[in-house]
Amino acid sequence: MTFPLDLLAIPPALLALGEPTHGESAFLQIRNEAFAQLTESGYRSIAVESDRAAGLIADAFVQGDIGVTLDRALTEGFSHGLGSAPANRDLLLWMREWNSGRPAAERLTFHGFDAPLEMDHAPSPRRHLAQVCDYLGSGRFAEIDGLIGDDARWSDPAAIWEPGRSVGRSADAQRLRVIADDLLTEMYLRAPRRPEGWPAANVAATSAVALLRYHAEAAAPLAREERFARLAQVRDALMAENLLAIRAAEAHRGPTLAFAHNRHLQRNPSTMTVAGTDQPWFGAGAIVGALLGDRYAVLVGSLGASPALGIDAPAASTYEGTLQRLTHLPRYVRAADVEPAEKRSHDYRYFPLDEATIAHADGVLHIPTGIDPAALADRILALPGAEQLVASAESGAPEGAWGDRFFYVGPDRRQPFATIVEHDVPGFDESSQLDRPGVFRLNLDLGRVEFERLFGFAPKDFEAHRDSFDFARLDTVVPHPGYALHGFGSIVMPGPQMLPEIDRLLTVAHARAVDRHERASRRVR
């Protein structure tokens, strides 16, 4: 799916791509595809909805730091559990591969732009202030450590929702804010003498200040619903501050792609209903858009259905239903071309499109449906004569294979033309990392001719080429790690943008199965 640069009237410095919900992998997979294409057009950085300080670890991996493993980059380089998303693994690996051997001006940078907190809890600033003191060689950490005290009094969720439990406006916290500000000033004074390490220390300092601000807001004597709205506003203000700082750092290298929830990126005010009251706030996109003007562009995400999240297809009268009629595949649409429609009902899993969001957007990315094993199986079973066998105790399959699906034509069940598997086979087939939550793999009997056309070598030569493939990468047709010698290929967790290619390869595999069945039938006669 080609990213439509001509959809944007003016090339932006910061292009935002939104998702309407978290947890639907298709948005992250298409984000990766879009960023790869934008990189060819001069984009040199990506910023995602993850803690900015943590993002420095992920970026170290992207820059080729041998001291940061992929596992560490995923576990420590993302906040909010986002490192477990398989598409984020692929993003870091692809960026590292791109950077290898390239000059500094062409290298890609990974950023997080979220604040170092959750809406309902926030840690103490201890870790960040310790890093700043270490950079400066400052002896003030003993005082800081004493003022912070027990971390639990900061991270307790009750400290966010009950102002009387918060330490955010205590004398200790106020003293910490003064110290943090002093340290930030000292950092600028030291910059000429210690430029190395300064950017990371600056992120730590601003993260500490951000946490102290958030805790101070949590201590404000407001009603619960007002508190929620105010904290949402403060978090988005911190996000906006981070986005602007990222753009300042990247301005000389090229545009930046930002990826996050629509509510953080849209230009119009966000609204959430709390205790029966609509609470509006300006998200980071509204703030950044006001300050950058036409240098900021936003494409909001739209979703038809998500089997993974249990979201059913939209009513035809809604914005999503209208977009659904246009295509069965993911598509970018100019916002001005979206027809007026009704707002879809909102159940907190999905924030639907509405008139204001579309009116203030440059475009919409609509994904008709996410893909899961059941949806893919339905597609295969629509082929003539296709039958499915699901591995189970009753079928005699080993427990490790229960739930895997095998597809045949005719009664001869010796060789499936396609399989959908969700489990590693220890000691034999583990390189696709199918033990990751939600990950599955489509396997296809391609035959020698199609196999060689796709990969450039015959199945018998696979072992000589094995090391050139990443069998765990999503959305990529690769030789089957266990059965490539027999002409099988595979795709891990294909996204909806791959459906045309999947259908083509299924046609090849199905035709081979039909031919085998017909030849076997002739022999019986």
Protein backbone atom coordinates (compact mmCIF):
# COMPACT_ATOMS: atom_id res chain seq x y z
CA MET A 1 0.00 0.00 0.00
CA THR A 2 1.65 3.22 -1.17
CA PHE A 3 1.66 6.22 1.15
CA PRO A 4 -0.04 9.12 -0.70
CA LEU A 5 2.28 12.08 -0.27
CA ASP A 6 0.08 14.04 -2.67
CA LEU A 7 -2.72 13.84 -0.09
CA LEU A 8 -0.89 16.55 1.88
CA ALA A 9 -1.27 20.05 0.45
CA ILE A 10 2.00 21.25 2.02
CA PRO A 11 4.86 18.92 3.00
CA PRO A 12 4.81 18.99 6.83
CA ALA A 13 7.71 18.99 9.26
CA LEU A 14 5.70 16.76 11.60
CA LEU A 15 3.29 14.22 10.13
CA ALA A 16 0.98 12.51 12.62
CA LEU A 17 -0.59 9.11 11.95
CA GLY A 18 -3.25 8.14 14.46
CA GLU A 19 -4.93 4.94 15.59
CA PRO A 20 -8.48 4.93 17.06
CA THR A 21 -7.70 2.24 19.61
CA HIS A 22 -4.72 0.45 21.10
CA GLY A 23 -4.19 -3.27 20.53
CA GLU A 24 -5.06 -3.69 16.84
CA SER A 25 -1.74 -4.70 15.32
CA ALA A 26 -2.79 -3.73 11.78
CA PHE A 27 -2.22 -0.04 12.57
CA LEU A 28 1.33 -0.65 13.78
CA GLN A 29 2.08 -2.87 10.80
CA ILE A 30 0.85 -0.26 8.32
CA ARG A 31 2.73 2.41 10.30
CA ASN A 32 5.94 0.46 9.70
CA GLU A 33 5.19 0.24 5.99
CA ALA A 34 4.38 3.96 5.82
CA PHE A 35 7.57 4.96 7.66
CA ALA A 36 9.71 2.84 5.33
CA GLN A 37 8.20 4.65 2.35
CA LEU A 38 8.49 8.07 3.99
CA THR A 39 12.14 7.39 4.72
CA GLU A 40 12.73 7.22 0.98
CA SER A 41 11.22 10.74 0.82
CA GLY A 42 13.56 12.24 3.42
CA TYR A 43 11.92 11.43 6.78
CA ARG A 44 14.64 10.68 9.30
CA SER A 45 12.82 10.11 12.60
CA ILE A 46 9.76 8.53 14.17
CA ALA A 47 8.14 9.44 17.50
CA VAL A 48 5.71 7.04 19.19
CA GLU A 49 3.38 7.20 22.17
CA SER A 50 5.92 5.87 24.64
CA ASP A 51 8.06 7.37 27.41
CA ARG A 52 10.66 9.72 25.95
CA ALA A 53 13.38 8.75 28.41
CA ALA A 54 12.83 5.02 27.79
CA GLY A 55 12.97 5.70 24.05
CA LEU A 56 16.66 6.59 24.36
CA ILE A 57 17.37 2.91 25.04
CA ALA A 58 15.41 1.81 21.97
CA ASP A 59 17.25 4.42 19.90
CA ALA A 60 20.61 3.16 21.14
CA PHE A 61 19.73 -0.20 19.61
CA VAL A 62 18.64 1.51 16.39
CA GLN A 63 21.99 3.33 16.25
CA GLY A 64 23.84 0.02 16.48
CA ASP A 65 25.02 0.22 20.11
CA ILE A 66 26.40 -3.27 20.78
CA GLY A 67 25.69 -2.81 24.48
CA VAL A 68 21.91 -2.76 23.91
CA THR A 69 20.35 -6.04 22.86
CA LEU A 70 17.03 -6.30 21.06
CA ASP A 71 15.43 -7.83 24.15
CA ARG A 72 16.60 -4.91 26.29
CA ALA A 73 15.45 -2.38 23.69
CA LEU A 74 11.96 -3.91 23.75
CA THR A 75 11.63 -4.37 27.52
CA GLU A 76 13.29 -1.13 28.67
CA GLY A 77 13.01 1.06 25.56
CA PHE A 78 9.20 1.25 25.59
CA SER A 79 6.68 2.15 28.26
CA HIS A 80 3.06 1.03 28.69
CA GLY A 81 3.98 -2.54 27.66
CA LEU A 82 4.40 -1.49 24.01
CA GLY A 83 7.63 -3.43 23.61
CA SER A 84 5.59 -6.64 23.51
CA ALA A 85 3.92 -5.59 20.24
CA PRO A 86 5.57 -7.68 17.50
CA ALA A 87 5.41 -4.77 15.03
CA ASN A 88 7.58 -2.67 17.35
CA ARG A 89 10.26 -5.36 17.24
CA ASP A 90 10.17 -5.18 13.45
CA LEU A 91 10.37 -1.38 13.49
CA LEU A 92 13.55 -1.34 15.58
CA LEU A 93 15.21 -4.06 13.52
CA TRP A 94 14.39 -2.36 10.23
CA MET A 95 15.67 1.01 11.47
CA ARG A 96 18.92 -0.58 12.68
CA GLU A 97 19.37 -2.30 9.31
CA TRP A 98 18.76 0.98 7.46
CA ASN A 99 21.29 2.81 9.63
CA SER A 100 24.07 0.27 9.16
CA GLY A 101 26.88 1.89 7.18
CA ARG A 102 25.02 5.15 6.49
CA PRO A 103 26.35 8.66 7.28
CA ALA A 104 24.88 10.55 10.23
CA ALA A 105 22.68 12.78 8.05
CA GLU A 106 20.86 9.75 6.63
CA ARG A 107 20.51 7.71 9.81
CA LEU A 108 17.10 7.21 11.40
CA THR A 109 16.28 8.14 14.99
CA PHE A 110 13.68 6.57 17.27
CA HIS A 111 11.89 8.77 19.83
CA GLY A 112 9.25 8.30 22.46
CA PHE A 113 7.21 11.42 23.11
CA ASP A 114 4.99 10.43 26.04
CA ALA A 115 5.51 11.61 29.59
CA PRO A 116 7.06 9.07 32.02
CA LEU A 117 3.72 8.24 33.64
CA GLU A 118 0.28 6.67 33.33
CA MET A 119 -2.96 8.57 33.73
CA ASP A 120 -3.71 6.88 37.05
CA HIS A 121 -0.25 6.66 38.57
CA ALA A 122 3.15 8.30 38.27
CA PRO A 123 6.52 7.30 39.76
CA SER A 124 8.86 9.45 41.78
CA PRO A 125 11.49 11.51 39.92
CA ARG A 126 14.34 9.71 41.73
CA ARG A 127 15.75 7.77 38.75
CA HIS A 128 15.78 10.79 36.45
CA LEU A 129 17.32 13.16 38.99
CA ALA A 130 19.99 10.59 39.81
CA GLN A 131 20.96 10.47 36.12
CA VAL A 132 21.20 14.27 35.96
CA CYS A 133 23.36 14.41 39.09
CA ASP A 134 25.60 11.70 37.67
CA TYR A 135 26.04 13.65 34.42
CA LEU A 136 26.85 16.87 36.27
CA GLY A 137 28.95 15.24 38.95
CA SER A 138 26.68 17.00 41.41
CA GLY A 139 26.69 16.21 45.12
CA ARG A 140 23.04 17.16 45.55
CA PHE A 141 21.61 13.66 45.20
CA ALA A 142 21.80 12.93 48.93
CA GLU A 143 19.45 15.87 49.57
CA ILE A 144 17.21 14.76 46.66
CA ASP A 145 17.07 11.21 47.99
CA GLY A 146 15.97 12.42 51.39
CA LEU A 147 13.26 14.68 49.99
CA ILE A 148 11.81 11.91 47.82
CA GLY A 149 11.68 9.39 50.64
CA ASP A 150 9.71 6.20 49.99
CA ASP A 151 8.89 5.79 46.28
CA ALA A 152 5.59 4.15 47.19
CA ARG A 153 4.09 7.42 48.41
CA TRP A 154 4.54 8.79 44.87
CA SER A 155 3.50 5.74 42.82
CA ASP A 156 0.39 4.84 44.86
CA PRO A 157 -2.66 5.38 42.55
CA ALA A 158 -4.46 6.95 45.49
CA ALA A 159 -1.90 9.76 45.30
CA ILE A 160 -3.37 10.65 41.90
CA TRP A 161 -7.08 10.40 42.65
CA GLU A 162 -7.19 11.65 46.24
CA PRO A 163 -5.55 15.07 46.64
CA GLY A 164 -5.04 14.49 50.35
CA ARG A 165 -2.84 11.48 49.60
CA SER A 166 -0.64 13.25 47.06
CA VAL A 167 2.78 14.60 47.98
CA GLY A 168 2.81 16.80 44.89
CA ARG A 169 2.35 20.11 46.73
CA SER A 170 4.16 19.22 49.92
CA ALA A 171 7.16 21.21 51.09
CA ASP A 172 9.43 18.34 49.99
CA ALA A 173 7.96 18.31 46.47
CA GLN A 174 8.20 22.07 46.15
CA ARG A 175 11.84 21.94 47.21
CA LEU A 176 12.45 19.18 44.63
CA ARG A 177 10.98 21.35 41.87
CA VAL A 178 13.42 24.14 42.74
CA ILE A 179 16.34 21.70 42.76
CA ALA A 180 15.27 20.17 39.42
CA ASP A 181 15.08 23.64 37.89
CA ASP A 182 18.53 24.51 39.29
CA LEU A 183 19.98 21.30 37.82
CA LEU A 184 18.46 22.09 34.43
CA THR A 185 20.09 25.53 34.48
CA GLU A 186 23.41 23.99 35.49
CA MET A 187 23.18 21.58 32.56
CA TYR A 188 23.02 24.45 30.09
CA LEU A 189 26.00 26.07 31.78
CA ARG A 190 27.97 22.83 31.45
CA ALA A 191 26.98 22.10 27.83
CA PRO A 192 30.08 23.74 26.25
CA ARG A 193 32.35 21.61 28.40
CA ARG A 194 30.39 18.33 28.22
CA PRO A 195 28.36 18.11 25.01
CA GLU A 196 28.69 14.32 24.97
CA GLY A 197 25.83 12.78 26.95
CA TRP A 198 24.04 16.12 27.21
CA PRO A 199 20.92 15.20 25.16
CA ALA A 200 20.21 12.11 27.30
CA ALA A 201 20.77 14.04 30.52
CA ASN A 202 18.49 16.80 29.26
CA VAL A 203 15.72 14.26 28.62
CA ALA A 204 16.20 12.94 32.16
CA ALA A 205 16.00 16.47 33.59
CA THR A 206 12.85 17.39 31.67
CA SER A 207 11.31 14.02 32.62
CA ALA A 208 11.92 14.77 36.29
CA VAL A 209 10.35 18.21 35.93
CA ALA A 210 7.39 16.66 34.11
CA LEU A 211 6.79 14.18 36.93
CA LEU A 212 6.94 16.92 39.56
CA ARG A 213 4.45 19.00 37.56
CA TYR A 214 2.08 16.05 37.25
CA HIS A 215 2.23 15.24 40.95
CA ALA A 216 1.55 18.89 41.74
CA GLU A 217 -1.57 18.81 39.56
CA ALA A 218 -2.68 15.59 41.27
CA ALA A 219 -2.60 17.41 44.60
CA ALA A 220 -4.99 20.13 43.42
CA PRO A 221 -8.30 20.12 45.35
CA LEU A 222 -10.63 19.32 42.41
CA ALA A 223 -13.66 17.07 42.03
CA ARG A 224 -12.88 13.65 40.54
CA GLU A 225 -14.22 14.37 37.04
CA GLU A 226 -12.45 17.75 36.91
CA ARG A 227 -9.27 16.08 38.13
CA PHE A 228 -9.42 13.50 35.33
CA ALA A 229 -9.80 16.19 32.67
CA ARG A 230 -7.05 18.33 34.17
CA LEU A 231 -4.58 15.44 34.38
CA ALA A 232 -5.39 14.47 30.78
CA GLN A 233 -4.66 18.06 29.74
CA VAL A 234 -1.36 18.10 31.62
CA ARG A 235 -0.23 14.78 30.14
CA ASP A 236 -0.99 16.01 26.62
CA ALA A 237 0.78 19.30 27.32
CA LEU A 238 3.86 17.29 28.31
CA MET A 239 3.51 15.24 25.12
CA ALA A 240 3.32 18.44 23.07
CA GLU A 241 6.41 19.81 24.79
CA ASN A 242 8.27 16.60 23.92
CA LEU A 243 7.12 16.66 20.29
CA LEU A 244 8.31 20.24 19.89
CA ALA A 245 11.67 19.37 21.47
CA ILE A 246 12.01 16.39 19.11
CA ARG A 247 11.26 18.59 16.12
CA ALA A 248 13.84 21.12 17.28
CA ALA A 249 16.44 18.36 17.43
CA GLU A 250 15.44 16.87 14.07
CA ALA A 251 14.76 20.09 12.13
CA HIS A 252 18.06 20.01 10.22
CA ARG A 253 17.72 16.32 9.25
CA GLY A 254 14.23 15.99 7.81
CA PRO A 255 10.56 15.53 8.77
CA THR A 256 9.30 13.35 11.62
CA LEU A 257 6.48 10.79 11.65
CA ALA A 258 4.51 10.72 14.93
CA PHE A 259 2.31 7.73 15.80
CA ALA A 260 -0.18 7.61 18.67
CA HIS A 261 -3.86 7.44 19.54
CA ASN A 262 -6.08 9.79 17.54
CA ARG A 263 -7.06 11.61 20.73
CA HIS A 264 -3.46 12.70 21.28
CA LEU A 265 -2.85 13.75 17.68
CA GLN A 266 -6.09 15.30 16.40
CA ARG A 267 -6.27 19.08 16.00
CA ASN A 268 -9.73 19.50 17.53
CA PRO A 269 -10.38 19.21 21.29
CA SER A 270 -10.75 15.72 22.74
CA THR A 271 -13.73 14.79 24.91
CA MET A 272 -14.31 11.98 27.37
CA THR A 273 -17.40 11.30 29.44
CA VAL A 274 -16.62 10.97 33.15
CA ALA A 275 -19.39 10.44 35.71
CA GLY A 276 -21.98 11.47 33.12
CA THR A 277 -20.17 14.71 32.31
CA ASP A 278 -18.39 15.52 29.05
CA GLN A 279 -14.87 16.63 29.88
CA PRO A 280 -13.01 18.35 27.00
CA TRP A 281 -9.28 18.96 26.74
CA PHE A 282 -6.75 19.96 24.11
CA GLY A 283 -4.55 17.05 23.08
CA ALA A 284 -0.92 17.26 22.03
CA GLY A 285 -1.94 17.55 18.37
CA ALA A 286 -4.15 20.55 19.08
CA ILE A 287 -1.29 22.25 20.93
CA VAL A 288 1.39 21.41 18.37
CA GLY A 289 -0.93 22.24 15.48
CA ALA A 290 -1.60 25.68 16.93
CA LEU A 291 2.13 26.36 17.22
CA LEU A 292 3.41 24.76 14.00
CA GLY A 293 0.51 25.70 11.73
CA ASP A 294 0.70 24.04 8.32
CA ARG A 295 4.01 22.42 9.28
CA TYR A 296 1.82 19.92 11.19
CA ALA A 297 -0.39 17.44 9.33
CA VAL A 298 -2.54 14.65 10.77
CA LEU A 299 -4.06 11.50 9.34
CA VAL A 300 -6.53 9.98 11.79
CA GLY A 301 -7.08 6.24 12.00
CA SER A 302 -10.41 4.53 11.34
CA LEU A 303 -11.27 0.88 11.95
CA GLY A 304 -14.07 -1.27 10.62
CA ALA A 305 -13.78 -4.48 12.65
CA SER A 306 -11.16 -6.07 14.88
CA PRO A 307 -11.42 -9.80 15.64
CA ALA A 308 -8.55 -9.44 18.11
CA LEU A 309 -10.42 -6.79 20.13
CA GLY A 310 -13.93 -8.17 19.63
CA ILE A 311 -15.04 -5.09 17.66
CA ASP A 312 -17.77 -5.92 15.14
CA ALA A 313 -18.30 -4.33 11.74
CA PRO A 314 -19.80 -0.81 11.88
CA ALA A 315 -23.32 0.18 10.87
CA ALA A 316 -23.48 1.38 7.27
CA SER A 317 -24.75 4.79 8.39
CA THR A 318 -21.60 5.63 10.38
CA TYR A 319 -18.40 7.27 9.18
CA GLU A 320 -16.61 3.93 9.46
CA GLY A 321 -19.44 2.19 7.62
CA THR A 322 -19.27 4.76 4.82
CA LEU A 323 -15.51 4.24 4.48
CA GLN A 324 -16.05 0.48 4.61
CA ARG A 325 -18.17 0.64 1.46
CA LEU A 326 -15.32 2.21 -0.50
CA THR A 327 -12.86 -0.65 -0.20
CA HIS A 328 -12.17 -4.05 1.34
CA LEU A 329 -8.51 -3.13 1.81
CA PRO A 330 -6.76 -0.48 3.96
CA ARG A 331 -6.88 2.89 2.26
CA TYR A 332 -5.84 6.51 2.77
CA VAL A 333 -8.67 8.96 2.06
CA ARG A 334 -8.54 12.74 1.82
CA ALA A 335 -10.54 14.12 4.76
CA ALA A 336 -12.47 16.47 2.47
CA ASP A 337 -13.68 13.41 0.52
CA VAL A 338 -15.26 11.67 3.53
CA GLU A 339 -19.04 11.83 3.29
CA PRO A 340 -21.10 13.16 6.24
CA ALA A 341 -22.39 10.32 8.41
CA GLU A 342 -23.40 9.33 11.92
CA LYS A 343 -21.05 8.85 14.83
CA ARG A 344 -20.49 5.24 15.78
CA SER A 345 -21.32 4.21 19.34
CA HIS A 346 -18.37 4.35 21.73
CA ASP A 347 -17.60 1.56 24.20
CA TYR A 348 -14.11 2.60 25.40
CA ARG A 349 -12.40 0.04 23.19
CA TYR A 350 -12.76 2.28 20.17
CA PHE A 351 -12.98 6.06 19.82
CA PRO A 352 -15.09 6.60 16.69
CA LEU A 353 -14.71 9.24 14.02
CA ASP A 354 -16.89 12.30 14.26
CA GLU A 355 -17.52 15.40 12.19
CA ALA A 356 -15.10 17.64 14.08
CA THR A 357 -12.19 15.18 13.98
CA ILE A 358 -12.51 14.71 10.22
CA ALA A 359 -13.00 18.44 9.58
CA HIS A 360 -9.71 19.19 11.33
CA ALA A 361 -7.73 16.32 9.76
CA ASP A 362 -5.82 16.18 6.50
CA GLY A 363 -6.75 12.58 5.81
CA VAL A 364 -8.02 9.29 7.17
CA LEU A 365 -6.38 5.86 7.22
CA HIS A 366 -9.26 3.37 7.17
CA ILE A 367 -8.59 -0.29 7.94
CA PRO A 368 -11.69 -2.41 7.15
CA THR A 369 -10.65 -5.26 9.44
CA GLY A 370 -7.80 -6.69 11.37
CA ILE A 371 -6.65 -10.23 10.58
CA ASP A 372 -6.68 -13.14 13.01
CA PRO A 373 -6.44 -16.92 12.42
CA ALA A 374 -10.23 -17.36 12.24
CA ALA A 375 -10.68 -14.58 9.67
CA LEU A 376 -7.84 -16.00 7.58
CA ALA A 377 -9.32 -19.49 7.84
CA ASP A 378 -12.67 -18.22 6.51
CA ARG A 379 -10.81 -16.79 3.51
CA ILE A 380 -9.17 -20.14 2.79
CA LEU A 381 -12.39 -22.13 3.25
CA ALA A 382 -14.03 -19.97 0.57
CA LEU A 383 -11.81 -21.73 -2.00
CA PRO A 384 -13.56 -24.56 -3.93
CA GLY A 385 -13.37 -27.89 -2.14
CA ALA A 386 -11.25 -26.58 0.73
CA GLU A 387 -11.70 -28.38 4.04
CA GLN A 388 -10.27 -27.63 7.47
CA LEU A 389 -8.89 -29.88 10.18
CA VAL A 390 -8.28 -28.26 13.57
CA ALA A 391 -5.71 -30.09 15.68
CA SER A 392 -7.13 -31.33 18.97
CA ALA A 393 -6.95 -34.21 21.44
CA GLU A 394 -9.74 -35.90 19.47
CA SER A 395 -7.73 -35.72 16.23
CA GLY A 396 -4.74 -37.32 17.92
CA ALA A 397 -2.56 -34.21 17.69
CA PRO A 398 0.06 -33.49 20.36
CA GLU A 399 -1.06 -30.90 22.92
CA GLY A 400 1.44 -28.33 21.66
CA ALA A 401 -0.38 -28.20 18.32
CA TRP A 402 -3.96 -27.93 19.56
CA GLY A 403 -5.79 -25.16 17.75
CA ASP A 404 -3.52 -25.21 14.69
CA ARG A 405 -5.45 -25.39 11.40
CA PHE A 406 -4.73 -27.58 8.37
CA PHE A 407 -6.40 -27.11 4.97
CA TYR A 408 -6.89 -29.81 2.35
CA VAL A 409 -8.69 -30.55 -0.89
CA GLY A 410 -10.27 -34.01 -0.99
CA PRO A 411 -10.11 -36.89 1.51
CA ASP A 412 -6.35 -37.47 1.26
CA ARG A 413 -5.09 -35.70 4.38
CA ARG A 414 -1.38 -36.43 3.94
CA GLN A 415 -0.34 -32.99 2.68
CA PRO A 416 -2.17 -29.74 3.46
CA PHE A 417 -1.92 -26.92 0.92
CA ALA A 418 -2.04 -24.34 3.73
CA THR A 419 -1.79 -24.29 7.52
CA ILE A 420 -2.28 -21.65 10.20
CA VAL A 421 -0.20 -22.34 13.28
CA GLU A 422 0.03 -20.52 16.61
CA HIS A 423 2.65 -22.58 18.42
CA ASP A 424 6.39 -23.12 18.30
CA VAL A 425 7.64 -26.69 18.02
CA PRO A 426 10.51 -26.86 20.52
CA GLY A 427 13.73 -28.07 18.97
CA PHE A 428 12.35 -27.95 15.42
CA ASP A 429 10.38 -24.81 14.58
CA GLU A 430 11.01 -21.91 16.96
CA SER A 431 12.52 -19.21 14.73
CA SER A 432 9.17 -17.50 14.01
CA GLN A 433 8.69 -16.87 17.77
CA LEU A 434 5.07 -17.98 17.68
CA ASP A 435 5.01 -18.03 21.47
CA ARG A 436 4.52 -14.24 21.42
CA PRO A 437 0.95 -13.24 22.40
CA GLY A 438 -1.39 -13.03 19.40
CA VAL A 439 1.21 -14.16 16.87
CA PHE A 440 0.36 -16.77 14.23
CA ARG A 441 1.82 -17.91 10.92
CA LEU A 442 0.28 -18.77 7.56
CA ASN A 443 2.14 -21.55 5.73
CA LEU A 444 1.62 -22.26 2.03
CA ASP A 445 2.62 -25.05 -0.34
CA LEU A 446 4.13 -22.91 -3.11
CA GLY A 447 5.86 -25.58 -5.17
CA ARG A 448 9.29 -25.30 -6.75
CA VAL A 449 8.40 -22.81 -9.50
CA GLU A 450 6.68 -20.21 -7.29
CA PHE A 451 9.21 -20.73 -4.49
CA GLU A 452 12.10 -20.01 -6.86
CA ARG A 453 10.28 -17.01 -8.36
CA LEU A 454 9.81 -15.48 -4.91
CA PHE A 455 13.19 -16.18 -3.35
CA GLY A 456 15.57 -16.54 -6.27
CA PHE A 457 16.78 -20.05 -5.43
CA ALA A 458 15.37 -23.56 -5.51
CA PRO A 459 13.93 -25.26 -2.39
CA LYS A 460 16.85 -27.71 -2.33
CA ASP A 461 19.26 -24.78 -1.83
CA PHE A 462 17.42 -23.31 1.16
CA GLU A 463 20.00 -24.19 3.84
CA ALA A 464 22.63 -22.13 2.05
CA HIS A 465 20.35 -19.09 2.33
CA ARG A 466 18.70 -19.69 5.73
CA ASP A 467 20.72 -17.05 7.57
CA SER A 468 19.54 -14.27 5.22
CA PHE A 469 15.94 -14.44 6.52
CA ASP A 470 14.30 -13.10 9.68
CA PHE A 471 11.60 -15.73 10.20
CA ALA A 472 9.95 -13.76 13.03
CA ARG A 473 9.32 -10.59 11.00
CA LEU A 474 5.69 -9.77 10.25
CA ASP A 475 4.16 -9.10 6.82
CA THR A 476 7.01 -10.79 4.97
CA VAL A 477 6.86 -13.82 2.68
CA VAL A 478 9.79 -16.06 3.64
CA PRO A 479 10.69 -19.71 3.14
CA HIS A 480 9.10 -21.96 5.75
CA PRO A 481 11.82 -22.44 8.43
CA GLY A 482 11.09 -26.18 8.66
CA TYR A 483 9.62 -27.20 5.31
CA ALA A 484 11.26 -24.89 2.78
CA LEU A 485 13.00 -27.94 1.28
CA HIS A 486 9.52 -29.13 0.27
CA GLY A 487 8.62 -25.81 -1.39
CA PHE A 488 6.68 -24.25 1.50
CA GLY A 489 6.67 -20.54 2.26
CA SER A 490 5.24 -18.69 5.24
CA ILE A 491 4.05 -15.28 6.47
CA VAL A 492 4.00 -14.33 10.16
CA MET A 493 0.92 -12.40 11.21
CA PRO A 494 0.04 -10.89 7.80
CA GLY A 495 -1.73 -7.56 8.01
CA PRO A 496 -4.79 -6.64 5.93
CA GLN A 497 -2.65 -4.72 3.44
CA MET A 498 -1.19 -8.09 2.39
CA LEU A 499 -4.51 -9.70 1.43
CA PRO A 500 -4.02 -9.34 -2.36
CA GLU A 501 -0.68 -11.16 -2.18
CA ILE A 502 -2.11 -13.74 0.21
CA ASP A 503 -4.96 -14.43 -2.20
CA ARG A 504 -2.49 -14.83 -5.06
CA LEU A 505 -0.34 -17.30 -3.13
CA LEU A 506 -3.41 -19.18 -1.89
CA THR A 507 -4.50 -19.57 -5.51
CA VAL A 508 -1.13 -21.15 -6.31
CA ALA A 509 -1.21 -23.50 -3.31
CA HIS A 510 -4.88 -24.41 -3.80
CA ALA A 511 -4.33 -25.21 -7.50
CA ARG A 512 -1.53 -27.59 -6.54
CA ALA A 513 -3.84 -29.33 -4.06
CA VAL A 514 -6.63 -29.62 -6.63
CA ASP A 515 -4.17 -31.09 -9.13
CA ARG A 516 -2.95 -33.66 -6.59
CA HIS A 517 -6.54 -34.59 -5.72
CA GLU A 518 -7.52 -35.01 -9.37
CA ARG A 519 -4.46 -37.12 -10.15
CA ALA A 520 -5.19 -39.33 -7.12
CA SER A 521 -8.82 -39.72 -8.22
CA ARG A 522 -7.73 -40.83 -11.70
CA ARG A 523 -5.42 -43.45 -10.22
CA VAL A 524 -8.29 -44.89 -8.13
CA ARG A 525 -10.44 -45.29 -11.25
